[in-house]
N, C-alpha and C. Protein backbone atom coordinates (compact mmCIF):
# COMPACT_ATOMS: atom_id res chain seq x y z
N MET A 1 76.64 -35.86 3.38
CA MET A 1 75.23 -35.76 3.60
C MET A 1 74.72 -34.59 2.77
N PRO A 2 73.66 -34.86 2.02
CA PRO A 2 73.18 -33.79 1.17
C PRO A 2 72.49 -32.71 2.00
N ALA A 3 72.47 -31.51 1.50
CA ALA A 3 71.83 -30.38 2.19
C ALA A 3 70.30 -30.54 2.13
N ALA A 4 69.64 -30.19 3.21
CA ALA A 4 68.18 -30.32 3.28
C ALA A 4 67.54 -29.27 2.40
N ASN A 5 66.60 -29.72 1.58
CA ASN A 5 65.87 -28.77 0.73
C ASN A 5 64.78 -28.09 1.55
N ALA A 6 64.76 -26.82 1.45
CA ALA A 6 63.70 -26.09 2.14
C ALA A 6 62.39 -26.39 1.41
N SER A 7 61.37 -26.76 2.16
CA SER A 7 60.09 -27.06 1.52
C SER A 7 59.46 -25.76 1.02
N SER A 8 58.62 -25.87 -0.01
CA SER A 8 58.01 -24.67 -0.58
C SER A 8 56.97 -24.12 0.41
N PRO A 9 56.68 -22.84 0.35
CA PRO A 9 55.72 -22.23 1.29
C PRO A 9 54.30 -22.81 1.07
N TRP A 10 53.45 -22.67 2.08
CA TRP A 10 52.11 -23.27 2.08
C TRP A 10 51.23 -22.79 0.94
N TYR A 11 51.38 -21.51 0.57
CA TYR A 11 50.49 -20.94 -0.44
C TYR A 11 50.79 -21.46 -1.85
N LYS A 12 51.86 -22.22 -2.00
CA LYS A 12 52.15 -22.80 -3.30
C LYS A 12 51.58 -24.21 -3.43
N HIS A 13 50.95 -24.70 -2.38
CA HIS A 13 50.32 -26.02 -2.43
C HIS A 13 48.83 -25.88 -2.76
N LEU A 14 48.25 -26.92 -3.34
CA LEU A 14 46.85 -26.89 -3.77
C LEU A 14 45.87 -27.09 -2.62
N TRP A 15 46.13 -28.00 -1.71
CA TRP A 15 45.16 -28.37 -0.66
C TRP A 15 44.79 -27.24 0.29
N PRO A 16 45.68 -26.40 0.74
CA PRO A 16 45.23 -25.29 1.59
C PRO A 16 44.24 -24.37 0.88
N TRP A 17 44.40 -24.16 -0.43
CA TRP A 17 43.48 -23.30 -1.18
C TRP A 17 42.10 -23.96 -1.34
N ILE A 18 42.07 -25.26 -1.49
CA ILE A 18 40.78 -25.97 -1.57
C ILE A 18 40.03 -25.84 -0.24
N ILE A 19 40.74 -26.01 0.88
CA ILE A 19 40.10 -25.88 2.20
C ILE A 19 39.61 -24.45 2.42
N ILE A 20 40.39 -23.47 2.05
CA ILE A 20 39.99 -22.08 2.19
C ILE A 20 38.76 -21.78 1.32
N ALA A 21 38.70 -22.32 0.11
CA ALA A 21 37.56 -22.10 -0.78
C ALA A 21 36.28 -22.70 -0.18
N ILE A 22 36.37 -23.89 0.40
CA ILE A 22 35.21 -24.51 1.03
C ILE A 22 34.70 -23.65 2.18
N LEU A 23 35.60 -23.19 3.02
CA LEU A 23 35.21 -22.33 4.14
C LEU A 23 34.61 -21.01 3.66
N ALA A 24 35.19 -20.41 2.63
CA ALA A 24 34.67 -19.14 2.11
C ALA A 24 33.27 -19.33 1.52
N CYS A 25 33.05 -20.44 0.82
CA CYS A 25 31.71 -20.71 0.26
C CYS A 25 30.68 -20.90 1.37
N SER A 26 31.04 -21.61 2.42
CA SER A 26 30.08 -21.84 3.50
C SER A 26 29.74 -20.53 4.22
N VAL A 27 30.70 -19.66 4.43
CA VAL A 27 30.43 -18.37 5.06
C VAL A 27 29.54 -17.51 4.15
N THR A 28 29.83 -17.49 2.86
CA THR A 28 29.04 -16.71 1.91
C THR A 28 27.59 -17.21 1.85
N LEU A 29 27.40 -18.51 1.77
CA LEU A 29 26.04 -19.07 1.73
C LEU A 29 25.29 -18.81 3.03
N THR A 30 25.97 -18.91 4.16
CA THR A 30 25.33 -18.64 5.45
C THR A 30 24.87 -17.19 5.53
N LEU A 31 25.71 -16.26 5.14
CA LEU A 31 25.34 -14.85 5.18
C LEU A 31 24.18 -14.54 4.22
N SER A 32 24.17 -15.17 3.05
CA SER A 32 23.06 -14.94 2.12
C SER A 32 21.77 -15.52 2.66
N MET A 33 21.79 -16.67 3.31
CA MET A 33 20.58 -17.25 3.91
C MET A 33 20.06 -16.39 5.06
N VAL A 34 20.94 -15.85 5.87
CA VAL A 34 20.52 -14.96 6.96
C VAL A 34 19.88 -13.71 6.38
N THR A 35 20.44 -13.16 5.31
CA THR A 35 19.87 -11.98 4.66
C THR A 35 18.48 -12.27 4.12
N ILE A 36 18.30 -13.40 3.48
CA ILE A 36 16.98 -13.78 2.95
C ILE A 36 15.98 -13.95 4.09
N ALA A 37 16.38 -14.59 5.18
CA ALA A 37 15.48 -14.82 6.31
C ALA A 37 15.06 -13.52 6.98
N VAL A 38 15.97 -12.57 7.08
CA VAL A 38 15.65 -11.29 7.72
C VAL A 38 14.76 -10.44 6.82
N ASN A 39 15.00 -10.45 5.51
CA ASN A 39 14.22 -9.61 4.59
C ASN A 39 12.86 -10.20 4.25
N ASN A 40 12.64 -11.49 4.45
CA ASN A 40 11.37 -12.14 4.11
C ASN A 40 10.85 -12.93 5.31
N PRO A 41 10.29 -12.25 6.32
CA PRO A 41 9.81 -12.98 7.50
C PRO A 41 8.58 -13.83 7.18
N ASP A 42 8.36 -14.84 7.97
CA ASP A 42 7.23 -15.75 7.78
C ASP A 42 5.99 -15.14 8.42
N ASN A 43 5.00 -14.78 7.60
CA ASN A 43 3.78 -14.15 8.10
C ASN A 43 2.78 -15.14 8.65
N LEU A 44 2.99 -16.43 8.48
CA LEU A 44 2.01 -17.42 8.87
C LEU A 44 2.10 -17.82 10.34
N VAL A 45 3.14 -17.40 11.02
CA VAL A 45 3.33 -17.79 12.40
C VAL A 45 2.48 -16.90 13.31
N ASN A 46 1.73 -17.51 14.21
CA ASN A 46 0.88 -16.78 15.14
C ASN A 46 1.43 -16.99 16.54
N ASP A 47 1.78 -15.90 17.22
CA ASP A 47 2.36 -16.01 18.55
C ASP A 47 1.31 -16.27 19.63
N ASN A 48 0.08 -15.87 19.40
CA ASN A 48 -0.93 -15.98 20.43
C ASN A 48 -1.91 -17.11 20.07
N TYR A 49 -1.53 -18.33 20.44
CA TYR A 49 -2.32 -19.50 20.08
C TYR A 49 -3.66 -19.53 20.81
N TYR A 50 -3.71 -19.02 22.00
CA TYR A 50 -4.95 -19.04 22.78
C TYR A 50 -6.02 -18.20 22.10
N GLU A 51 -5.66 -16.98 21.68
CA GLU A 51 -6.62 -16.11 21.00
C GLU A 51 -7.06 -16.72 19.67
N ALA A 52 -6.14 -17.35 18.95
CA ALA A 52 -6.50 -17.99 17.69
C ALA A 52 -7.49 -19.12 17.93
N GLY A 53 -7.32 -19.87 19.00
CA GLY A 53 -8.25 -20.95 19.34
C GLY A 53 -9.63 -20.43 19.68
N LYS A 54 -9.69 -19.30 20.41
CA LYS A 54 -11.00 -18.70 20.70
C LYS A 54 -11.67 -18.22 19.42
N GLY A 55 -10.88 -17.72 18.49
CA GLY A 55 -11.43 -17.28 17.21
C GLY A 55 -12.02 -18.42 16.41
N ILE A 56 -11.41 -19.59 16.50
CA ILE A 56 -11.94 -20.77 15.81
C ILE A 56 -13.32 -21.11 16.36
N ASN A 57 -13.48 -21.05 17.66
CA ASN A 57 -14.79 -21.34 18.26
C ASN A 57 -15.84 -20.33 17.82
N ARG A 58 -15.48 -19.04 17.75
CA ARG A 58 -16.42 -18.03 17.28
C ARG A 58 -16.80 -18.28 15.83
N SER A 59 -15.82 -18.70 15.00
CA SER A 59 -16.10 -18.99 13.60
C SER A 59 -17.06 -20.17 13.47
N LEU A 60 -16.87 -21.20 14.28
CA LEU A 60 -17.77 -22.35 14.22
C LEU A 60 -19.18 -21.95 14.62
N ASP A 61 -19.32 -21.08 15.61
CA ASP A 61 -20.65 -20.61 16.01
C ASP A 61 -21.33 -19.87 14.86
N ARG A 62 -20.57 -19.04 14.15
CA ARG A 62 -21.13 -18.29 13.03
C ARG A 62 -21.50 -19.23 11.88
N GLU A 63 -20.70 -20.24 11.64
CA GLU A 63 -20.99 -21.20 10.57
C GLU A 63 -22.21 -22.05 10.93
N LEU A 64 -22.35 -22.39 12.20
CA LEU A 64 -23.54 -23.14 12.62
C LEU A 64 -24.80 -22.30 12.44
N LEU A 65 -24.71 -21.00 12.71
CA LEU A 65 -25.85 -20.11 12.49
C LEU A 65 -26.20 -20.07 11.00
N GLY A 66 -25.19 -20.02 10.15
CA GLY A 66 -25.44 -20.04 8.71
C GLY A 66 -26.11 -21.32 8.26
N GLN A 67 -25.72 -22.43 8.88
CA GLN A 67 -26.35 -23.71 8.57
C GLN A 67 -27.78 -23.77 9.09
N THR A 68 -28.00 -23.23 10.28
CA THR A 68 -29.33 -23.20 10.86
C THR A 68 -30.29 -22.37 9.99
N LEU A 69 -29.78 -21.28 9.43
CA LEU A 69 -30.59 -20.42 8.55
C LEU A 69 -30.72 -21.01 7.14
N GLN A 70 -30.12 -22.18 6.91
CA GLN A 70 -30.18 -22.89 5.63
C GLN A 70 -29.68 -22.01 4.47
N LEU A 71 -28.54 -21.38 4.68
CA LEU A 71 -28.00 -20.45 3.70
C LEU A 71 -27.15 -21.17 2.66
N LYS A 72 -27.35 -20.77 1.42
CA LYS A 72 -26.53 -21.21 0.30
C LYS A 72 -26.34 -20.00 -0.60
N ALA A 73 -25.17 -19.92 -1.21
CA ALA A 73 -24.89 -18.77 -2.06
C ALA A 73 -24.22 -19.22 -3.35
N LYS A 74 -24.58 -18.55 -4.42
CA LYS A 74 -23.94 -18.77 -5.72
C LYS A 74 -23.25 -17.47 -6.08
N LEU A 75 -21.94 -17.54 -6.31
CA LEU A 75 -21.12 -16.36 -6.53
C LEU A 75 -20.54 -16.39 -7.93
N ARG A 76 -20.61 -15.24 -8.60
CA ARG A 76 -20.02 -15.12 -9.94
C ARG A 76 -19.27 -13.80 -10.02
N MET A 77 -18.00 -13.88 -10.50
CA MET A 77 -17.18 -12.69 -10.67
C MET A 77 -16.90 -12.51 -12.16
N ASP A 78 -17.27 -11.35 -12.70
CA ASP A 78 -17.02 -11.05 -14.10
C ASP A 78 -15.61 -10.49 -14.23
N GLU A 79 -14.78 -11.16 -15.02
CA GLU A 79 -13.38 -10.76 -15.15
C GLU A 79 -13.23 -9.43 -15.89
N MET A 80 -14.09 -9.19 -16.86
CA MET A 80 -13.96 -7.98 -17.68
C MET A 80 -14.37 -6.72 -16.91
N THR A 81 -15.53 -6.75 -16.25
CA THR A 81 -16.04 -5.55 -15.57
C THR A 81 -15.66 -5.49 -14.10
N GLY A 82 -15.30 -6.63 -13.51
CA GLY A 82 -15.00 -6.68 -12.09
C GLY A 82 -16.23 -6.77 -11.22
N GLU A 83 -17.40 -6.93 -11.85
CA GLU A 83 -18.65 -7.01 -11.09
C GLU A 83 -18.76 -8.36 -10.39
N VAL A 84 -19.18 -8.33 -9.14
CA VAL A 84 -19.40 -9.53 -8.34
C VAL A 84 -20.89 -9.63 -8.07
N VAL A 85 -21.49 -10.75 -8.48
CA VAL A 85 -22.91 -10.98 -8.27
C VAL A 85 -23.07 -12.22 -7.40
N LEU A 86 -23.86 -12.09 -6.33
CA LEU A 86 -24.09 -13.18 -5.41
C LEU A 86 -25.60 -13.40 -5.27
N LEU A 87 -26.03 -14.64 -5.43
CA LEU A 87 -27.42 -15.01 -5.22
C LEU A 87 -27.49 -15.80 -3.92
N LEU A 88 -28.24 -15.27 -2.95
CA LEU A 88 -28.33 -15.87 -1.62
C LEU A 88 -29.68 -16.54 -1.43
N GLU A 89 -29.64 -17.79 -1.01
CA GLU A 89 -30.86 -18.54 -0.70
C GLU A 89 -30.84 -18.87 0.77
N GLY A 90 -32.00 -18.84 1.41
CA GLY A 90 -32.09 -19.19 2.82
C GLY A 90 -32.95 -18.21 3.58
N ASN A 91 -32.83 -18.26 4.90
CA ASN A 91 -33.70 -17.49 5.78
C ASN A 91 -33.03 -16.22 6.31
N SER A 92 -32.23 -15.57 5.49
CA SER A 92 -31.60 -14.31 5.88
C SER A 92 -31.43 -13.46 4.63
N LYS A 93 -31.85 -12.21 4.72
CA LYS A 93 -31.70 -11.27 3.60
C LYS A 93 -31.24 -9.92 4.12
N PRO A 94 -29.99 -9.84 4.62
CA PRO A 94 -29.50 -8.54 5.12
C PRO A 94 -29.28 -7.56 3.96
N GLN A 95 -29.20 -6.29 4.28
CA GLN A 95 -29.00 -5.26 3.26
C GLN A 95 -27.59 -5.31 2.66
N VAL A 96 -26.61 -5.65 3.51
CA VAL A 96 -25.21 -5.64 3.08
C VAL A 96 -24.55 -6.95 3.50
N LEU A 97 -23.71 -7.49 2.62
CA LEU A 97 -22.89 -8.66 2.92
C LEU A 97 -21.43 -8.30 2.73
N GLU A 98 -20.57 -9.02 3.44
CA GLU A 98 -19.13 -8.83 3.28
C GLU A 98 -18.54 -10.11 2.71
N LEU A 99 -17.84 -9.98 1.59
CA LEU A 99 -17.19 -11.12 0.93
C LEU A 99 -15.69 -10.96 1.06
N ASN A 100 -15.03 -11.96 1.64
CA ASN A 100 -13.58 -11.94 1.78
C ASN A 100 -13.00 -13.07 0.95
N LEU A 101 -12.06 -12.74 0.09
CA LEU A 101 -11.31 -13.72 -0.69
C LEU A 101 -9.92 -13.76 -0.10
N ILE A 102 -9.62 -14.82 0.64
CA ILE A 102 -8.40 -14.89 1.44
C ILE A 102 -7.40 -15.84 0.80
N SER A 103 -6.21 -15.34 0.54
CA SER A 103 -5.14 -16.18 0.01
C SER A 103 -4.52 -16.97 1.17
N PRO A 104 -4.34 -18.29 1.02
CA PRO A 104 -3.81 -19.09 2.12
C PRO A 104 -2.39 -18.72 2.53
N THR A 105 -1.59 -18.21 1.59
CA THR A 105 -0.18 -17.98 1.90
C THR A 105 0.31 -16.56 1.68
N GLN A 106 -0.45 -15.73 0.95
CA GLN A 106 0.03 -14.40 0.61
C GLN A 106 -1.00 -13.35 1.02
N PRO A 107 -0.84 -12.75 2.21
CA PRO A 107 -1.83 -11.79 2.71
C PRO A 107 -2.03 -10.58 1.80
N GLU A 108 -1.04 -10.22 1.00
CA GLU A 108 -1.20 -9.06 0.12
C GLU A 108 -2.18 -9.34 -1.02
N LYS A 109 -2.55 -10.60 -1.23
CA LYS A 109 -3.53 -10.95 -2.28
C LYS A 109 -4.94 -11.10 -1.73
N ASP A 110 -5.15 -10.83 -0.45
CA ASP A 110 -6.50 -10.89 0.13
C ASP A 110 -7.35 -9.75 -0.43
N ARG A 111 -8.63 -10.03 -0.63
CA ARG A 111 -9.56 -9.01 -1.13
C ARG A 111 -10.81 -9.00 -0.26
N LYS A 112 -11.32 -7.79 0.02
CA LYS A 112 -12.55 -7.61 0.80
C LYS A 112 -13.52 -6.82 -0.05
N ILE A 113 -14.72 -7.38 -0.25
CA ILE A 113 -15.71 -6.78 -1.14
C ILE A 113 -17.00 -6.60 -0.37
N SER A 114 -17.57 -5.39 -0.42
CA SER A 114 -18.86 -5.13 0.19
C SER A 114 -19.94 -5.34 -0.88
N LEU A 115 -20.92 -6.16 -0.55
CA LEU A 115 -22.00 -6.48 -1.49
C LEU A 115 -23.30 -5.85 -0.99
N SER A 116 -23.96 -5.11 -1.87
CA SER A 116 -25.23 -4.45 -1.52
C SER A 116 -26.38 -5.20 -2.17
N GLN A 117 -27.49 -5.23 -1.44
CA GLN A 117 -28.67 -5.93 -1.94
C GLN A 117 -29.29 -5.17 -3.11
N SER A 118 -29.67 -5.91 -4.13
CA SER A 118 -30.32 -5.32 -5.30
C SER A 118 -31.73 -4.86 -4.92
N ALA A 119 -32.13 -3.71 -5.44
CA ALA A 119 -33.46 -3.18 -5.12
C ALA A 119 -34.56 -4.01 -5.78
N SER A 120 -34.27 -4.59 -6.94
CA SER A 120 -35.30 -5.33 -7.66
C SER A 120 -35.41 -6.79 -7.21
N GLU A 121 -34.31 -7.40 -6.79
CA GLU A 121 -34.33 -8.80 -6.37
C GLU A 121 -33.78 -8.91 -4.94
N PRO A 122 -34.58 -9.37 -3.97
CA PRO A 122 -34.14 -9.42 -2.57
C PRO A 122 -32.96 -10.36 -2.31
N GLY A 123 -32.80 -11.42 -3.07
CA GLY A 123 -31.71 -12.36 -2.81
C GLY A 123 -30.48 -12.12 -3.64
N ARG A 124 -30.45 -11.01 -4.39
CA ARG A 124 -29.32 -10.72 -5.26
C ARG A 124 -28.48 -9.59 -4.68
N TYR A 125 -27.17 -9.82 -4.62
CA TYR A 125 -26.24 -8.84 -4.07
C TYR A 125 -25.18 -8.52 -5.12
N ILE A 126 -24.79 -7.24 -5.17
CA ILE A 126 -23.86 -6.79 -6.19
C ILE A 126 -22.72 -6.01 -5.52
N GLY A 127 -21.51 -6.26 -6.01
CA GLY A 127 -20.33 -5.55 -5.53
C GLY A 127 -19.35 -5.35 -6.66
N GLN A 128 -18.23 -4.69 -6.37
CA GLN A 128 -17.23 -4.40 -7.38
C GLN A 128 -15.86 -4.86 -6.90
N LEU A 129 -15.16 -5.57 -7.77
CA LEU A 129 -13.80 -6.05 -7.50
C LEU A 129 -12.84 -5.20 -8.30
N ASP A 130 -11.79 -4.69 -7.66
CA ASP A 130 -10.87 -3.77 -8.33
C ASP A 130 -9.91 -4.45 -9.30
N ASP A 131 -9.51 -5.68 -9.00
CA ASP A 131 -8.57 -6.37 -9.87
C ASP A 131 -8.96 -7.84 -10.01
N LYS A 132 -8.24 -8.55 -10.84
CA LYS A 132 -8.56 -9.95 -11.11
C LYS A 132 -8.07 -10.83 -9.96
N VAL A 133 -8.87 -11.85 -9.66
CA VAL A 133 -8.52 -12.80 -8.62
C VAL A 133 -8.59 -14.20 -9.23
N ALA A 134 -7.52 -14.95 -9.07
CA ALA A 134 -7.51 -16.33 -9.59
C ALA A 134 -6.66 -17.19 -8.67
N GLY A 135 -6.99 -18.47 -8.63
CA GLY A 135 -6.23 -19.41 -7.83
C GLY A 135 -7.01 -19.87 -6.61
N ARG A 136 -6.32 -20.60 -5.76
CA ARG A 136 -6.94 -21.14 -4.56
C ARG A 136 -7.17 -20.03 -3.53
N ARG A 137 -8.38 -19.96 -3.01
CA ARG A 137 -8.73 -18.94 -2.02
C ARG A 137 -9.68 -19.53 -0.98
N PHE A 138 -9.63 -18.97 0.21
CA PHE A 138 -10.66 -19.23 1.20
C PHE A 138 -11.72 -18.15 0.97
N VAL A 139 -12.93 -18.58 0.68
CA VAL A 139 -14.02 -17.66 0.38
C VAL A 139 -14.90 -17.57 1.62
N GLU A 140 -15.02 -16.36 2.18
CA GLU A 140 -15.79 -16.13 3.40
C GLU A 140 -16.88 -15.11 3.12
N LEU A 141 -18.12 -15.48 3.42
CA LEU A 141 -19.26 -14.59 3.26
C LEU A 141 -19.85 -14.34 4.63
N LEU A 142 -19.96 -13.06 5.01
CA LEU A 142 -20.47 -12.68 6.32
C LEU A 142 -21.73 -11.83 6.18
N GLY A 143 -22.70 -12.11 7.03
CA GLY A 143 -23.93 -11.33 7.08
C GLY A 143 -24.45 -11.29 8.50
N VAL A 144 -25.44 -10.44 8.75
CA VAL A 144 -26.00 -10.29 10.09
C VAL A 144 -27.50 -10.56 10.03
N GLU A 145 -27.97 -11.37 10.98
CA GLU A 145 -29.39 -11.68 11.11
C GLU A 145 -29.76 -11.59 12.58
N ASP A 146 -30.69 -10.72 12.93
CA ASP A 146 -31.13 -10.51 14.32
C ASP A 146 -29.96 -10.19 15.25
N GLY A 147 -29.03 -9.38 14.80
CA GLY A 147 -27.91 -8.97 15.62
C GLY A 147 -26.80 -10.00 15.74
N LYS A 148 -26.94 -11.16 15.11
CA LYS A 148 -25.90 -12.20 15.15
C LYS A 148 -25.28 -12.35 13.77
N THR A 149 -23.97 -12.50 13.75
CA THR A 149 -23.26 -12.65 12.49
C THR A 149 -23.24 -14.12 12.08
N TRP A 150 -23.60 -14.38 10.83
CA TRP A 150 -23.48 -15.72 10.27
C TRP A 150 -22.36 -15.72 9.24
N ARG A 151 -21.91 -16.93 8.91
CA ARG A 151 -20.75 -17.05 8.02
C ARG A 151 -20.88 -18.28 7.15
N LEU A 152 -20.55 -18.12 5.87
CA LEU A 152 -20.33 -19.24 4.96
C LEU A 152 -18.86 -19.20 4.59
N PHE A 153 -18.18 -20.33 4.73
CA PHE A 153 -16.73 -20.35 4.55
C PHE A 153 -16.33 -21.65 3.87
N GLU A 154 -15.65 -21.53 2.75
CA GLU A 154 -15.16 -22.71 2.03
C GLU A 154 -13.88 -22.38 1.30
N GLU A 155 -13.12 -23.41 1.02
CA GLU A 155 -11.94 -23.27 0.18
C GLU A 155 -12.35 -23.57 -1.25
N GLU A 156 -12.06 -22.66 -2.16
CA GLU A 156 -12.50 -22.78 -3.54
C GLU A 156 -11.35 -22.43 -4.49
N LEU A 157 -11.46 -22.93 -5.70
CA LEU A 157 -10.54 -22.56 -6.78
C LEU A 157 -11.23 -21.47 -7.59
N VAL A 158 -10.76 -20.25 -7.45
CA VAL A 158 -11.37 -19.09 -8.09
C VAL A 158 -10.76 -18.91 -9.47
N GLY A 159 -11.62 -18.70 -10.45
CA GLY A 159 -11.14 -18.50 -11.81
C GLY A 159 -12.03 -17.52 -12.54
N PRO A 160 -11.63 -17.14 -13.74
CA PRO A 160 -12.42 -16.19 -14.51
C PRO A 160 -13.76 -16.79 -14.92
N ASP A 161 -14.83 -16.03 -14.69
CA ASP A 161 -16.19 -16.40 -15.08
C ASP A 161 -16.57 -17.80 -14.61
N LYS A 162 -16.19 -18.14 -13.39
CA LYS A 162 -16.50 -19.45 -12.81
C LYS A 162 -17.46 -19.26 -11.64
N ASP A 163 -18.53 -20.05 -11.61
CA ASP A 163 -19.49 -19.98 -10.50
C ASP A 163 -18.94 -20.69 -9.28
N LEU A 164 -19.08 -20.06 -8.12
CA LEU A 164 -18.68 -20.67 -6.85
C LEU A 164 -19.94 -20.91 -6.02
N LEU A 165 -20.04 -22.07 -5.43
CA LEU A 165 -21.17 -22.40 -4.57
C LEU A 165 -20.69 -22.46 -3.13
N LEU A 166 -21.34 -21.68 -2.27
CA LEU A 166 -21.02 -21.66 -0.84
C LEU A 166 -22.18 -22.28 -0.08
N GLY A 167 -21.86 -23.04 0.96
CA GLY A 167 -22.88 -23.67 1.77
C GLY A 167 -23.29 -25.03 1.25
N ASP A 168 -22.63 -25.51 0.21
CA ASP A 168 -22.97 -26.82 -0.35
C ASP A 168 -22.17 -27.96 0.26
N GLU A 169 -21.15 -27.64 1.04
CA GLU A 169 -20.33 -28.66 1.68
C GLU A 169 -20.71 -28.77 3.16
N PRO A 170 -20.66 -29.97 3.73
CA PRO A 170 -21.00 -30.11 5.15
C PRO A 170 -19.97 -29.41 6.03
N LEU A 171 -20.44 -28.89 7.15
CA LEU A 171 -19.58 -28.18 8.09
C LEU A 171 -18.72 -29.19 8.84
N GLN A 172 -17.42 -28.97 8.84
CA GLN A 172 -16.49 -29.87 9.51
C GLN A 172 -15.97 -29.24 10.79
N GLY A 173 -15.77 -30.06 11.80
CA GLY A 173 -15.21 -29.59 13.06
C GLY A 173 -16.23 -29.16 14.08
N ALA A 174 -17.52 -29.25 13.74
CA ALA A 174 -18.54 -28.79 14.67
C ALA A 174 -19.54 -29.91 14.99
N GLU A 175 -19.13 -31.14 14.81
CA GLU A 175 -20.03 -32.26 15.06
C GLU A 175 -20.49 -32.30 16.50
N ASP A 176 -19.60 -32.03 17.46
CA ASP A 176 -19.96 -32.08 18.87
C ASP A 176 -20.78 -30.86 19.28
N ARG A 177 -20.74 -29.77 18.53
CA ARG A 177 -21.49 -28.55 18.88
C ARG A 177 -22.96 -28.67 18.50
N LYS A 178 -23.27 -29.49 17.50
CA LYS A 178 -24.67 -29.63 17.07
C LYS A 178 -25.52 -30.27 18.15
N ALA A 179 -24.91 -31.11 18.97
CA ALA A 179 -25.65 -31.80 20.01
C ALA A 179 -26.04 -30.86 21.15
N LYS A 180 -25.33 -29.73 21.29
CA LYS A 180 -25.57 -28.80 22.41
C LYS A 180 -26.84 -28.01 22.22
């Protein structure tokens, strides 16, 4: 009877190393995904849904007031000087307006501009923008009339030397409020 050959040790075979490599890759990828998730949290999640819902109702009330006052605005941003010029039409001429350019996904790109009424033209407002703004933005214009805040709010594609019209689109989501 021939002598039994001792089999070679496990580390000299190919298949155990392939299995170990697969496991090592999965652990490495899992740890890198956890690191990315911890270092880049999602800013779009709102924990307090009830307060956000109340805020939507307040926004609709302000937009309805803007519609009642028949407000329309034409906005122009000069890319070279950073000057923001707004022409406001309607039944409200406050001394100061607030213009918010809100990025839908990146809060660090939001811009807030204070617009002052021109002394020579009552419907003309002027402000200054510190840097260039381009791309899709939620454009919000806020003003006060008789102690109540009104709002014009639209999603616009902002670009260099491009005119934006606010108040030209019908108000959505407030159809049942108009009847009240």
